N, C-alpha and C. Protein backbone atom coordinates (compact mmCIF):
# COMPACT_ATOMS: atom_id res chain seq x y z
N MET A 1 -19.18 4.42 -2.46
CA MET A 1 -18.64 5.73 -2.22
C MET A 1 -19.30 6.28 -0.97
N LEU A 2 -18.49 6.77 -0.05
CA LEU A 2 -18.98 7.38 1.18
C LEU A 2 -18.67 8.87 1.12
N THR A 3 -19.68 9.70 1.30
CA THR A 3 -19.44 11.14 1.24
C THR A 3 -20.42 11.90 2.12
N GLY A 4 -19.98 13.01 2.62
CA GLY A 4 -20.84 13.90 3.37
C GLY A 4 -21.56 14.88 2.45
N ASP A 5 -21.19 14.85 1.16
CA ASP A 5 -21.80 15.76 0.18
C ASP A 5 -23.26 15.37 -0.08
N ASN A 6 -23.97 16.27 -0.76
CA ASN A 6 -25.38 16.00 -1.05
C ASN A 6 -25.51 14.85 -2.04
N ALA A 7 -26.68 14.23 -2.03
CA ALA A 7 -26.91 13.01 -2.80
C ALA A 7 -26.80 13.23 -4.31
N ALA A 8 -27.30 14.36 -4.81
CA ALA A 8 -27.26 14.61 -6.25
C ALA A 8 -25.82 14.70 -6.76
N ALA A 9 -24.99 15.45 -6.05
CA ALA A 9 -23.58 15.57 -6.46
C ALA A 9 -22.88 14.22 -6.35
N ALA A 10 -23.16 13.48 -5.30
CA ALA A 10 -22.53 12.17 -5.10
C ALA A 10 -22.91 11.21 -6.22
N GLU A 11 -24.17 11.23 -6.62
CA GLU A 11 -24.63 10.35 -7.70
C GLU A 11 -23.96 10.69 -9.03
N ARG A 12 -23.77 11.98 -9.30
CA ARG A 12 -23.09 12.40 -10.53
C ARG A 12 -21.66 11.88 -10.56
N VAL A 13 -20.94 12.06 -9.46
CA VAL A 13 -19.55 11.61 -9.39
C VAL A 13 -19.48 10.09 -9.48
N ALA A 14 -20.37 9.41 -8.79
CA ALA A 14 -20.38 7.95 -8.80
C ALA A 14 -20.62 7.42 -10.22
N LYS A 15 -21.49 8.08 -10.94
CA LYS A 15 -21.78 7.67 -12.31
C LYS A 15 -20.54 7.83 -13.19
N GLN A 16 -19.83 8.95 -13.02
CA GLN A 16 -18.61 9.19 -13.80
C GLN A 16 -17.53 8.17 -13.47
N CYS A 17 -17.49 7.71 -12.23
CA CYS A 17 -16.44 6.79 -11.78
C CYS A 17 -16.89 5.33 -11.84
N ASP A 18 -18.10 5.09 -12.33
CA ASP A 18 -18.65 3.74 -12.43
C ASP A 18 -18.72 3.05 -11.06
N VAL A 19 -19.20 3.79 -10.07
CA VAL A 19 -19.36 3.28 -8.71
C VAL A 19 -20.82 2.88 -8.52
N ASP A 20 -21.05 1.68 -8.01
CA ASP A 20 -22.40 1.15 -7.87
C ASP A 20 -23.14 1.65 -6.63
N ARG A 21 -22.47 1.65 -5.50
CA ARG A 21 -23.13 1.99 -4.24
C ARG A 21 -22.66 3.35 -3.74
N VAL A 22 -23.62 4.21 -3.39
CA VAL A 22 -23.31 5.56 -2.92
C VAL A 22 -24.00 5.79 -1.58
N PHE A 23 -23.22 6.25 -0.62
CA PHE A 23 -23.76 6.67 0.67
C PHE A 23 -23.46 8.16 0.79
N ALA A 24 -24.48 8.98 0.65
CA ALA A 24 -24.31 10.43 0.65
C ALA A 24 -24.89 11.04 1.92
N GLU A 25 -24.42 12.27 2.20
CA GLU A 25 -24.89 13.04 3.35
C GLU A 25 -24.72 12.28 4.66
N ILE A 26 -23.60 11.58 4.79
CA ILE A 26 -23.35 10.82 6.02
C ILE A 26 -22.31 11.52 6.88
N LEU A 27 -22.39 11.28 8.16
CA LEU A 27 -21.50 11.88 9.14
C LEU A 27 -20.22 11.06 9.26
N PRO A 28 -19.17 11.64 9.83
CA PRO A 28 -17.91 10.90 10.00
C PRO A 28 -18.08 9.58 10.77
N THR A 29 -18.92 9.58 11.79
CA THR A 29 -19.12 8.34 12.56
C THR A 29 -19.81 7.28 11.71
N GLU A 30 -20.69 7.72 10.82
CA GLU A 30 -21.36 6.77 9.93
C GLU A 30 -20.38 6.18 8.92
N LYS A 31 -19.41 6.99 8.49
CA LYS A 31 -18.37 6.48 7.59
C LYS A 31 -17.58 5.37 8.28
N VAL A 32 -17.21 5.61 9.53
CA VAL A 32 -16.46 4.60 10.30
C VAL A 32 -17.31 3.34 10.46
N ASP A 33 -18.59 3.51 10.77
CA ASP A 33 -19.47 2.35 10.93
C ASP A 33 -19.55 1.54 9.65
N LEU A 34 -19.65 2.22 8.50
CA LEU A 34 -19.71 1.51 7.21
C LEU A 34 -18.40 0.79 6.91
N VAL A 35 -17.27 1.42 7.21
CA VAL A 35 -15.97 0.77 7.01
C VAL A 35 -15.88 -0.49 7.87
N ARG A 36 -16.25 -0.37 9.13
CA ARG A 36 -16.18 -1.53 10.04
C ARG A 36 -17.15 -2.63 9.63
N GLU A 37 -18.31 -2.25 9.11
CA GLU A 37 -19.29 -3.24 8.64
C GLU A 37 -18.70 -4.04 7.47
N LEU A 38 -18.05 -3.35 6.55
CA LEU A 38 -17.41 -4.04 5.43
C LEU A 38 -16.29 -4.96 5.93
N GLN A 39 -15.54 -4.51 6.90
CA GLN A 39 -14.46 -5.33 7.45
C GLN A 39 -15.01 -6.56 8.15
N ARG A 40 -16.11 -6.41 8.89
CA ARG A 40 -16.72 -7.56 9.57
C ARG A 40 -17.22 -8.60 8.57
N SER A 41 -17.59 -8.14 7.38
CA SER A 41 -18.06 -9.09 6.35
C SER A 41 -16.89 -9.75 5.62
N GLY A 42 -15.67 -9.47 6.09
CA GLY A 42 -14.49 -10.14 5.53
C GLY A 42 -13.79 -9.37 4.42
N ARG A 43 -14.18 -8.15 4.17
CA ARG A 43 -13.57 -7.38 3.10
C ARG A 43 -12.42 -6.53 3.63
N LYS A 44 -11.46 -6.28 2.77
CA LYS A 44 -10.40 -5.32 3.02
C LYS A 44 -10.88 -3.98 2.48
N VAL A 45 -10.71 -2.93 3.26
CA VAL A 45 -11.25 -1.63 2.88
C VAL A 45 -10.12 -0.64 2.63
N MET A 46 -10.13 -0.06 1.43
CA MET A 46 -9.24 1.04 1.09
C MET A 46 -10.12 2.27 0.99
N LEU A 47 -9.75 3.33 1.70
CA LEU A 47 -10.55 4.54 1.72
C LEU A 47 -9.69 5.71 1.26
N VAL A 48 -10.24 6.53 0.38
CA VAL A 48 -9.56 7.73 -0.09
C VAL A 48 -10.34 8.93 0.44
N GLY A 49 -9.62 9.87 1.06
CA GLY A 49 -10.28 11.06 1.60
C GLY A 49 -9.33 12.23 1.70
N ASP A 50 -9.91 13.39 2.02
CA ASP A 50 -9.05 14.58 2.10
C ASP A 50 -9.42 15.53 3.24
N GLY A 51 -10.51 15.27 3.92
CA GLY A 51 -10.97 16.25 4.89
C GLY A 51 -10.94 15.78 6.33
N VAL A 52 -11.25 16.70 7.21
CA VAL A 52 -11.34 16.41 8.64
C VAL A 52 -12.38 15.32 8.87
N ASN A 53 -13.48 15.38 8.12
CA ASN A 53 -14.54 14.39 8.27
C ASN A 53 -14.14 13.00 7.81
N ASP A 54 -13.09 12.90 7.01
CA ASP A 54 -12.63 11.60 6.51
C ASP A 54 -11.62 10.93 7.44
N ALA A 55 -11.00 11.70 8.32
CA ALA A 55 -9.90 11.19 9.14
C ALA A 55 -10.28 9.97 9.98
N PRO A 56 -11.42 9.95 10.68
CA PRO A 56 -11.74 8.75 11.45
C PRO A 56 -11.90 7.50 10.58
N ALA A 57 -12.52 7.64 9.42
CA ALA A 57 -12.69 6.50 8.52
C ALA A 57 -11.36 6.10 7.89
N LEU A 58 -10.49 7.06 7.60
CA LEU A 58 -9.15 6.73 7.09
C LEU A 58 -8.40 5.88 8.10
N ALA A 59 -8.55 6.23 9.38
CA ALA A 59 -7.87 5.47 10.43
C ALA A 59 -8.46 4.08 10.58
N ALA A 60 -9.76 3.93 10.38
CA ALA A 60 -10.42 2.64 10.55
C ALA A 60 -10.19 1.71 9.37
N ALA A 61 -9.95 2.25 8.20
CA ALA A 61 -9.78 1.44 7.00
C ALA A 61 -8.49 0.62 7.07
N ASN A 62 -8.46 -0.48 6.32
CA ASN A 62 -7.24 -1.27 6.22
C ASN A 62 -6.13 -0.47 5.55
N LEU A 63 -6.52 0.37 4.61
CA LEU A 63 -5.57 1.24 3.93
C LEU A 63 -6.23 2.58 3.71
N GLY A 64 -5.65 3.62 4.31
CA GLY A 64 -6.17 4.97 4.15
C GLY A 64 -5.27 5.77 3.23
N ILE A 65 -5.89 6.41 2.25
CA ILE A 65 -5.14 7.21 1.28
C ILE A 65 -5.68 8.64 1.32
N ALA A 66 -4.81 9.59 1.57
CA ALA A 66 -5.21 11.00 1.63
C ALA A 66 -4.75 11.73 0.38
N MET A 67 -5.56 12.69 -0.02
CA MET A 67 -5.21 13.55 -1.13
C MET A 67 -4.35 14.67 -0.56
N GLY A 68 -3.08 14.68 -0.88
CA GLY A 68 -2.12 15.53 -0.20
C GLY A 68 -2.16 17.00 -0.51
N HIS A 69 -2.47 17.37 -1.72
CA HIS A 69 -2.41 18.79 -2.09
C HIS A 69 -3.49 19.61 -1.39
N ARG A 70 -4.72 19.11 -1.44
CA ARG A 70 -5.84 19.84 -0.84
C ARG A 70 -6.26 19.24 0.49
N GLY A 71 -5.63 18.16 0.91
CA GLY A 71 -6.04 17.49 2.13
C GLY A 71 -5.75 18.28 3.39
N THR A 72 -6.54 18.04 4.41
CA THR A 72 -6.32 18.68 5.70
C THR A 72 -5.18 17.98 6.43
N ASP A 73 -4.58 18.67 7.37
CA ASP A 73 -3.45 18.10 8.11
C ASP A 73 -3.83 16.80 8.81
N ILE A 74 -5.03 16.75 9.42
CA ILE A 74 -5.44 15.56 10.15
C ILE A 74 -5.63 14.36 9.20
N ALA A 75 -6.15 14.61 8.00
CA ALA A 75 -6.30 13.53 7.02
C ALA A 75 -4.93 13.03 6.58
N LEU A 76 -3.99 13.95 6.36
CA LEU A 76 -2.65 13.57 5.93
C LEU A 76 -1.93 12.77 7.02
N GLU A 77 -2.11 13.15 8.27
CA GLU A 77 -1.45 12.44 9.36
C GLU A 77 -2.08 11.08 9.63
N THR A 78 -3.36 10.94 9.37
CA THR A 78 -4.07 9.71 9.66
C THR A 78 -3.86 8.66 8.58
N ALA A 79 -3.71 9.08 7.35
CA ALA A 79 -3.64 8.15 6.22
C ALA A 79 -2.34 7.35 6.22
N ASP A 80 -2.41 6.18 5.60
CA ASP A 80 -1.23 5.35 5.41
C ASP A 80 -0.40 5.82 4.22
N ILE A 81 -1.09 6.35 3.23
CA ILE A 81 -0.46 6.82 1.99
C ILE A 81 -1.00 8.21 1.68
N VAL A 82 -0.13 9.09 1.18
CA VAL A 82 -0.55 10.42 0.77
C VAL A 82 -0.22 10.60 -0.70
N LEU A 83 -1.23 10.90 -1.49
CA LEU A 83 -1.01 11.21 -2.90
C LEU A 83 -0.72 12.70 -2.99
N VAL A 84 0.53 13.04 -3.24
CA VAL A 84 0.93 14.44 -3.16
C VAL A 84 0.36 15.32 -4.26
N ASN A 85 -0.02 14.74 -5.38
CA ASN A 85 -0.55 15.58 -6.46
C ASN A 85 -2.06 15.42 -6.65
N ASP A 86 -2.72 14.78 -5.71
CA ASP A 86 -4.18 14.63 -5.72
C ASP A 86 -4.74 13.95 -6.96
N SER A 87 -3.96 13.16 -7.63
CA SER A 87 -4.42 12.48 -8.84
C SER A 87 -4.90 11.08 -8.49
N ILE A 88 -6.21 10.92 -8.37
CA ILE A 88 -6.78 9.62 -8.01
C ILE A 88 -6.54 8.60 -9.13
N GLU A 89 -6.23 9.08 -10.32
CA GLU A 89 -5.94 8.19 -11.43
C GLU A 89 -4.68 7.35 -11.18
N LEU A 90 -3.86 7.77 -10.22
CA LEU A 90 -2.64 7.04 -9.90
C LEU A 90 -2.89 5.77 -9.07
N LEU A 91 -4.09 5.61 -8.53
CA LEU A 91 -4.37 4.48 -7.64
C LEU A 91 -4.13 3.12 -8.29
N PRO A 92 -4.57 2.86 -9.53
CA PRO A 92 -4.27 1.56 -10.13
C PRO A 92 -2.76 1.30 -10.25
N GLY A 93 -2.00 2.32 -10.63
CA GLY A 93 -0.54 2.17 -10.69
C GLY A 93 0.07 1.94 -9.32
N LEU A 94 -0.46 2.62 -8.31
CA LEU A 94 -0.01 2.43 -6.94
C LEU A 94 -0.25 0.99 -6.50
N MET A 95 -1.40 0.45 -6.84
CA MET A 95 -1.71 -0.94 -6.48
C MET A 95 -0.75 -1.90 -7.19
N LYS A 96 -0.46 -1.63 -8.44
CA LYS A 96 0.46 -2.49 -9.20
C LYS A 96 1.85 -2.47 -8.58
N VAL A 97 2.34 -1.28 -8.23
CA VAL A 97 3.67 -1.16 -7.63
C VAL A 97 3.72 -1.86 -6.27
N SER A 98 2.67 -1.67 -5.48
CA SER A 98 2.68 -2.27 -4.14
C SER A 98 2.63 -3.79 -4.21
N ARG A 99 1.88 -4.34 -5.15
CA ARG A 99 1.84 -5.81 -5.30
C ARG A 99 3.20 -6.34 -5.75
N ARG A 100 3.82 -5.64 -6.68
CA ARG A 100 5.14 -6.08 -7.15
C ARG A 100 6.17 -5.97 -6.03
N ALA A 101 6.13 -4.89 -5.27
CA ALA A 101 7.06 -4.72 -4.16
C ALA A 101 6.86 -5.82 -3.12
N ASN A 102 5.62 -6.16 -2.84
CA ASN A 102 5.32 -7.22 -1.89
C ASN A 102 5.90 -8.55 -2.36
N ARG A 103 5.72 -8.88 -3.63
CA ARG A 103 6.29 -10.12 -4.18
C ARG A 103 7.81 -10.12 -4.09
N LEU A 104 8.43 -9.00 -4.44
CA LEU A 104 9.89 -8.93 -4.40
C LEU A 104 10.43 -9.07 -2.98
N VAL A 105 9.76 -8.46 -2.01
CA VAL A 105 10.19 -8.59 -0.62
C VAL A 105 10.11 -10.05 -0.18
N ARG A 106 9.02 -10.72 -0.53
CA ARG A 106 8.88 -12.14 -0.17
C ARG A 106 9.97 -12.98 -0.83
N HIS A 107 10.21 -12.76 -2.11
CA HIS A 107 11.27 -13.51 -2.80
C HIS A 107 12.63 -13.25 -2.15
N ASN A 108 12.90 -11.99 -1.83
CA ASN A 108 14.17 -11.64 -1.22
C ASN A 108 14.33 -12.29 0.15
N LEU A 109 13.27 -12.34 0.93
CA LEU A 109 13.35 -12.97 2.25
C LEU A 109 13.62 -14.47 2.13
N VAL A 110 12.95 -15.12 1.21
CA VAL A 110 13.18 -16.55 1.01
C VAL A 110 14.61 -16.80 0.54
N PHE A 111 15.07 -16.02 -0.42
CA PHE A 111 16.44 -16.19 -0.93
C PHE A 111 17.47 -15.93 0.18
N ALA A 112 17.30 -14.84 0.92
CA ALA A 112 18.26 -14.52 1.98
C ALA A 112 18.27 -15.59 3.06
N PHE A 113 17.09 -16.06 3.46
CA PHE A 113 17.02 -17.12 4.47
C PHE A 113 17.68 -18.40 3.97
N ALA A 114 17.46 -18.76 2.71
CA ALA A 114 18.08 -19.96 2.14
C ALA A 114 19.60 -19.83 2.11
N MET A 115 20.10 -18.65 1.73
CA MET A 115 21.55 -18.45 1.68
C MET A 115 22.17 -18.52 3.07
N ILE A 116 21.56 -17.89 4.05
CA ILE A 116 22.08 -17.93 5.42
C ILE A 116 22.07 -19.35 5.94
N THR A 117 20.98 -20.07 5.68
CA THR A 117 20.89 -21.47 6.12
C THR A 117 21.99 -22.31 5.48
N LEU A 118 22.22 -22.13 4.20
CA LEU A 118 23.27 -22.86 3.50
C LEU A 118 24.65 -22.52 4.07
N LEU A 119 24.90 -21.23 4.25
CA LEU A 119 26.21 -20.81 4.75
C LEU A 119 26.44 -21.30 6.19
N VAL A 120 25.44 -21.22 7.04
CA VAL A 120 25.60 -21.69 8.43
C VAL A 120 25.79 -23.20 8.45
N THR A 121 25.03 -23.92 7.63
CA THR A 121 25.17 -25.38 7.58
C THR A 121 26.56 -25.77 7.12
N LEU A 122 27.07 -25.14 6.08
CA LEU A 122 28.42 -25.43 5.60
C LEU A 122 29.47 -25.07 6.65
N ASP A 123 29.26 -23.96 7.35
CA ASP A 123 30.20 -23.56 8.39
C ASP A 123 30.21 -24.56 9.54
N LEU A 124 29.04 -24.98 9.98
CA LEU A 124 28.96 -25.94 11.08
C LEU A 124 29.55 -27.29 10.70
N ALA A 125 29.48 -27.63 9.43
CA ALA A 125 30.07 -28.89 8.96
C ALA A 125 31.57 -28.75 8.72
N GLY A 126 32.10 -27.56 8.92
CA GLY A 126 33.53 -27.32 8.73
C GLY A 126 33.95 -27.29 7.27
N ARG A 127 33.02 -27.03 6.38
CA ARG A 127 33.30 -27.04 4.94
C ARG A 127 33.38 -25.65 4.32
N LEU A 128 33.31 -24.61 5.14
CA LEU A 128 33.26 -23.26 4.59
C LEU A 128 34.36 -22.41 5.20
N PRO A 129 35.38 -22.09 4.40
CA PRO A 129 36.41 -21.18 4.90
C PRO A 129 35.82 -19.78 5.11
N LEU A 130 36.35 -19.06 6.08
CA LEU A 130 35.83 -17.74 6.44
C LEU A 130 35.75 -16.78 5.25
N PRO A 131 36.80 -16.65 4.44
CA PRO A 131 36.69 -15.72 3.30
C PRO A 131 35.56 -16.07 2.34
N LEU A 132 35.36 -17.36 2.12
CA LEU A 132 34.27 -17.77 1.22
C LEU A 132 32.91 -17.50 1.86
N GLY A 133 32.80 -17.64 3.17
CA GLY A 133 31.57 -17.32 3.88
C GLY A 133 31.23 -15.85 3.78
N VAL A 134 32.26 -15.00 3.92
CA VAL A 134 32.06 -13.56 3.80
C VAL A 134 31.61 -13.21 2.39
N VAL A 135 32.27 -13.75 1.39
CA VAL A 135 31.90 -13.49 -0.01
C VAL A 135 30.48 -13.98 -0.28
N GLY A 136 30.12 -15.16 0.24
CA GLY A 136 28.77 -15.69 0.04
C GLY A 136 27.72 -14.80 0.68
N HIS A 137 28.00 -14.35 1.90
CA HIS A 137 27.03 -13.49 2.60
C HIS A 137 26.89 -12.15 1.91
N GLU A 138 28.02 -11.50 1.63
CA GLU A 138 27.96 -10.17 1.00
C GLU A 138 27.40 -10.26 -0.41
N GLY A 139 27.75 -11.32 -1.13
CA GLY A 139 27.21 -11.50 -2.48
C GLY A 139 25.70 -11.67 -2.47
N SER A 140 25.19 -12.46 -1.52
CA SER A 140 23.74 -12.65 -1.44
C SER A 140 23.04 -11.35 -1.04
N THR A 141 23.69 -10.56 -0.19
CA THR A 141 23.12 -9.26 0.19
C THR A 141 23.03 -8.35 -1.02
N MET A 142 24.05 -8.35 -1.85
CA MET A 142 24.02 -7.52 -3.07
C MET A 142 22.93 -8.00 -4.03
N LEU A 143 22.77 -9.32 -4.16
CA LEU A 143 21.72 -9.84 -5.04
C LEU A 143 20.33 -9.44 -4.55
N VAL A 144 20.13 -9.49 -3.24
CA VAL A 144 18.85 -9.08 -2.67
C VAL A 144 18.59 -7.60 -2.97
N ALA A 145 19.60 -6.76 -2.79
CA ALA A 145 19.44 -5.33 -3.05
C ALA A 145 19.15 -5.08 -4.53
N LEU A 146 19.88 -5.73 -5.40
CA LEU A 146 19.65 -5.54 -6.84
C LEU A 146 18.28 -6.06 -7.26
N ASN A 147 17.86 -7.18 -6.70
CA ASN A 147 16.54 -7.72 -7.00
C ASN A 147 15.45 -6.75 -6.54
N GLY A 148 15.65 -6.09 -5.41
CA GLY A 148 14.69 -5.12 -4.92
C GLY A 148 14.52 -3.93 -5.84
N LEU A 149 15.57 -3.60 -6.58
CA LEU A 149 15.48 -2.48 -7.51
C LEU A 149 14.54 -2.76 -8.68
N ARG A 150 14.19 -4.03 -8.87
CA ARG A 150 13.29 -4.38 -9.97
C ARG A 150 11.91 -3.74 -9.81
N VAL A 151 11.56 -3.35 -8.59
CA VAL A 151 10.27 -2.69 -8.39
C VAL A 151 10.19 -1.39 -9.17
N LEU A 152 11.32 -0.78 -9.48
CA LEU A 152 11.33 0.46 -10.24
C LEU A 152 10.74 0.27 -11.63
N GLY A 153 10.81 -0.95 -12.15
CA GLY A 153 10.22 -1.24 -13.45
C GLY A 153 8.70 -1.19 -13.44
N ALA A 154 8.09 -1.25 -12.25
CA ALA A 154 6.64 -1.22 -12.14
C ALA A 154 6.09 0.18 -11.89
N LEU A 155 7.00 1.15 -11.71
CA LEU A 155 6.53 2.50 -11.44
C LEU A 155 5.79 3.06 -12.64
N PRO A 156 4.62 3.67 -12.42
CA PRO A 156 3.88 4.23 -13.55
C PRO A 156 4.59 5.45 -14.13
N ASP A 157 4.42 5.62 -15.41
CA ASP A 157 4.97 6.79 -16.09
C ASP A 157 4.18 8.02 -15.65
N LYS A 158 4.85 9.12 -15.38
CA LYS A 158 4.17 10.33 -14.92
C LYS A 158 3.21 10.87 -15.98
N ALA A 159 3.42 10.50 -17.23
CA ALA A 159 2.56 11.00 -18.29
C ALA A 159 1.22 10.27 -18.34
N GLU A 160 1.14 9.10 -17.66
CA GLU A 160 -0.11 8.31 -17.70
C GLU A 160 -1.24 9.01 -17.01
């Protein structure tokens, strides 16, 4: 946990959140240095922040998440993701949805590429009438779109 707050408050919050390492009373430049140090060691860094002091580190992180309700304008503009209701409890659900969306996009790209390759190959071989090619292309596009909707099944319930 990186914070500009005093050490006692930071330790209390870290204990509640089961966080092992706490860097308290640090400046914005020190936050950026710590993010870059973690990145140099091969880690991907996700940073959550809400203030002006967090903006440089949000920009340096692989993924910056701003708390939208109380966040400053600069933090909101710098972050990759904005949590509009400031509920940090949504982060695990956000990670689940993003992983599922990533898998679905990859599957859709492979399927679409395979269908186009098949249709072009059949067309070049003179085995594909134009109407059937159109139906094949549009049908595969619809399947890709419908498959993409499956990500909605991973959305967390608002009551969670």
